[in-house]
Amino acid sequence: MIERPSIVQDEHLTFLDKLRASGATNMYGAGAYLEREFRPELEGPQTIVVLGYWMDTFAGRLEAGEVAE
């Protein structure tokens, strides 16, 4: 299991889940959306940490039925 960084909040994961479901962007480009939504809390390196955690855990969360649609 991947340890969740302290910067990662449930609202970040929900936002990214919904962004993915919307098809508005390729998730490799989601950092800009994430930063715009949660600035000034998330900028630059923090955004990369959150997005990386989301990418690393998405499949497991999807399988467990924990992905927001």
C-alpha atoms as a PDB file:
ATOM      1  CA  MET A   1       0.000   0.000   0.000  1.00  0.00           C
ATOM      2  CA  ILE A   2       1.208   3.488  -0.873  1.00  0.00           C
ATOM      3  CA  GLU A   3       1.524   5.878   2.056  1.00  0.00           C
ATOM      4  CA  ARG A   4      -0.701   8.906   1.626  1.00  0.00           C
ATOM      5  CA  PRO A   5       1.251  12.184   1.809  1.00  0.00           C
ATOM      6  CA  SER A   6      -0.117  14.610   4.385  1.00  0.00           C
ATOM      7  CA  ILE A   7      -0.816  17.244   1.704  1.00  0.00           C
ATOM      8  CA  VAL A   8      -3.346  14.946  -0.041  1.00  0.00           C
ATOM      9  CA  GLN A   9      -6.940  15.640   1.019  1.00  0.00           C
ATOM     10  CA  ASP A  10     -10.096  13.717   0.091  1.00  0.00           C
ATOM     11  CA  GLU A  11     -11.380  16.788  -1.746  1.00  0.00           C
ATOM     12  CA  HIS A  12      -8.315  16.705  -4.017  1.00  0.00           C
ATOM     13  CA  LEU A  13      -8.975  13.075  -4.956  1.00  0.00           C
ATOM     14  CA  THR A  14     -12.678  13.728  -5.535  1.00  0.00           C
ATOM     15  CA  PHE A  15     -11.858  16.711  -7.747  1.00  0.00           C
ATOM     16  CA  LEU A  16      -9.445  14.614  -9.828  1.00  0.00           C
ATOM     17  CA  ASP A  17     -11.936  11.727 -10.073  1.00  0.00           C
ATOM     18  CA  LYS A  18     -14.598  14.097 -11.391  1.00  0.00           C
ATOM     19  CA  LEU A  19     -12.143  15.790 -13.741  1.00  0.00           C
ATOM     20  CA  ARG A  20     -11.227  12.392 -15.204  1.00  0.00           C
ATOM     21  CA  ALA A  21     -14.898  11.446 -15.594  1.00  0.00           C
ATOM     22  CA  SER A  22     -15.626  14.747 -17.357  1.00  0.00           C
ATOM     23  CA  GLY A  23     -13.034  14.069 -20.058  1.00  0.00           C
ATOM     24  CA  ALA A  24     -12.008  17.742 -19.969  1.00  0.00           C
ATOM     25  CA  THR A  25      -8.306  16.888 -20.042  1.00  0.00           C
ATOM     26  CA  ASN A  26      -5.827  14.078 -20.261  1.00  0.00           C
ATOM     27  CA  MET A  27      -4.909  13.350 -16.647  1.00  0.00           C
ATOM     28  CA  TYR A  28      -1.246  14.044 -17.358  1.00  0.00           C
ATOM     29  CA  GLY A  29      -2.388  17.651 -17.836  1.00  0.00           C
ATOM     30  CA  ALA A  30      -4.558  17.687 -14.711  1.00  0.00           C
ATOM     31  CA  GLY A  31      -1.977  19.478 -12.579  1.00  0.00           C
ATOM     32  CA  ALA A  32      -2.948  22.868 -13.998  1.00  0.00           C
ATOM     33  CA  TYR A  33      -6.628  22.239 -13.200  1.00  0.00           C
ATOM     34  CA  LEU A  34      -5.767  21.053  -9.706  1.00  0.00           C
ATOM     35  CA  GLU A  35      -3.562  24.050  -9.012  1.00  0.00           C
ATOM     36  CA  ARG A  36      -6.153  26.492 -10.332  1.00  0.00           C
ATOM     37  CA  GLU A  37      -8.884  24.929  -8.184  1.00  0.00           C
ATOM     38  CA  PHE A  38      -6.906  24.745  -4.933  1.00  0.00           C
ATOM     39  CA  ARG A  39      -4.524  27.706  -5.108  1.00  0.00           C
ATOM     40  CA  PRO A  40      -2.867  28.924  -2.895  1.00  0.00           C
ATOM     41  CA  GLU A  41      -2.995  25.640  -0.928  1.00  0.00           C
ATOM     42  CA  LEU A  42      -1.484  23.715  -3.837  1.00  0.00           C
ATOM     43  CA  GLU A  43       1.206  25.101  -6.071  1.00  0.00           C
ATOM     44  CA  GLY A  44       3.994  23.515  -8.092  1.00  0.00           C
ATOM     45  CA  PRO A  45       5.572  20.675  -6.098  1.00  0.00           C
ATOM     46  CA  GLN A  46       2.488  20.082  -3.922  1.00  0.00           C
ATOM     47  CA  THR A  47       0.360  19.694  -7.032  1.00  0.00           C
ATOM     48  CA  ILE A  48       2.760  17.080  -8.382  1.00  0.00           C
ATOM     49  CA  VAL A  49       2.595  15.139  -5.100  1.00  0.00           C
ATOM     50  CA  VAL A  50      -1.223  15.121  -5.085  1.00  0.00           C
ATOM     51  CA  LEU A  51      -1.532  14.177  -8.751  1.00  0.00           C
ATOM     52  CA  GLY A  52       1.126  11.490  -8.403  1.00  0.00           C
ATOM     53  CA  TYR A  53      -0.663   9.950  -5.429  1.00  0.00           C
ATOM     54  CA  TRP A  54      -3.963  10.056  -7.312  1.00  0.00           C
ATOM     55  CA  MET A  55      -2.393   8.301 -10.314  1.00  0.00           C
ATOM     56  CA  ASP A  56      -0.668   5.690  -8.147  1.00  0.00           C
ATOM     57  CA  THR A  57      -3.843   4.816  -6.231  1.00  0.00           C
ATOM     58  CA  PHE A  58      -6.582   5.279  -8.836  1.00  0.00           C
ATOM     59  CA  ALA A  59      -6.843   1.645  -9.933  1.00  0.00           C
ATOM     60  CA  GLY A  60      -7.071   0.393  -6.358  1.00  0.00           C
ATOM     61  CA  ARG A  61      -9.650   3.008  -5.411  1.00  0.00           C
ATOM     62  CA  LEU A  62     -11.661   2.200  -8.546  1.00  0.00           C
ATOM     63  CA  GLU A  63     -11.625  -1.514  -7.730  1.00  0.00           C
ATOM     64  CA  ALA A  64     -12.709  -0.763  -4.165  1.00  0.00           C
ATOM     65  CA  GLY A  65     -15.580   1.429  -5.395  1.00  0.00           C
ATOM     66  CA  GLU A  66     -14.058   4.568  -3.864  1.00  0.00           C
ATOM     67  CA  VAL A  67     -13.859   6.686  -7.036  1.00  0.00           C
ATOM     68  CA  ALA A  68     -16.222   9.655  -7.317  1.00  0.00           C
ATOM     69  CA  GLU A  69     -18.046   9.810 -10.639  1.00  0.00           C
END
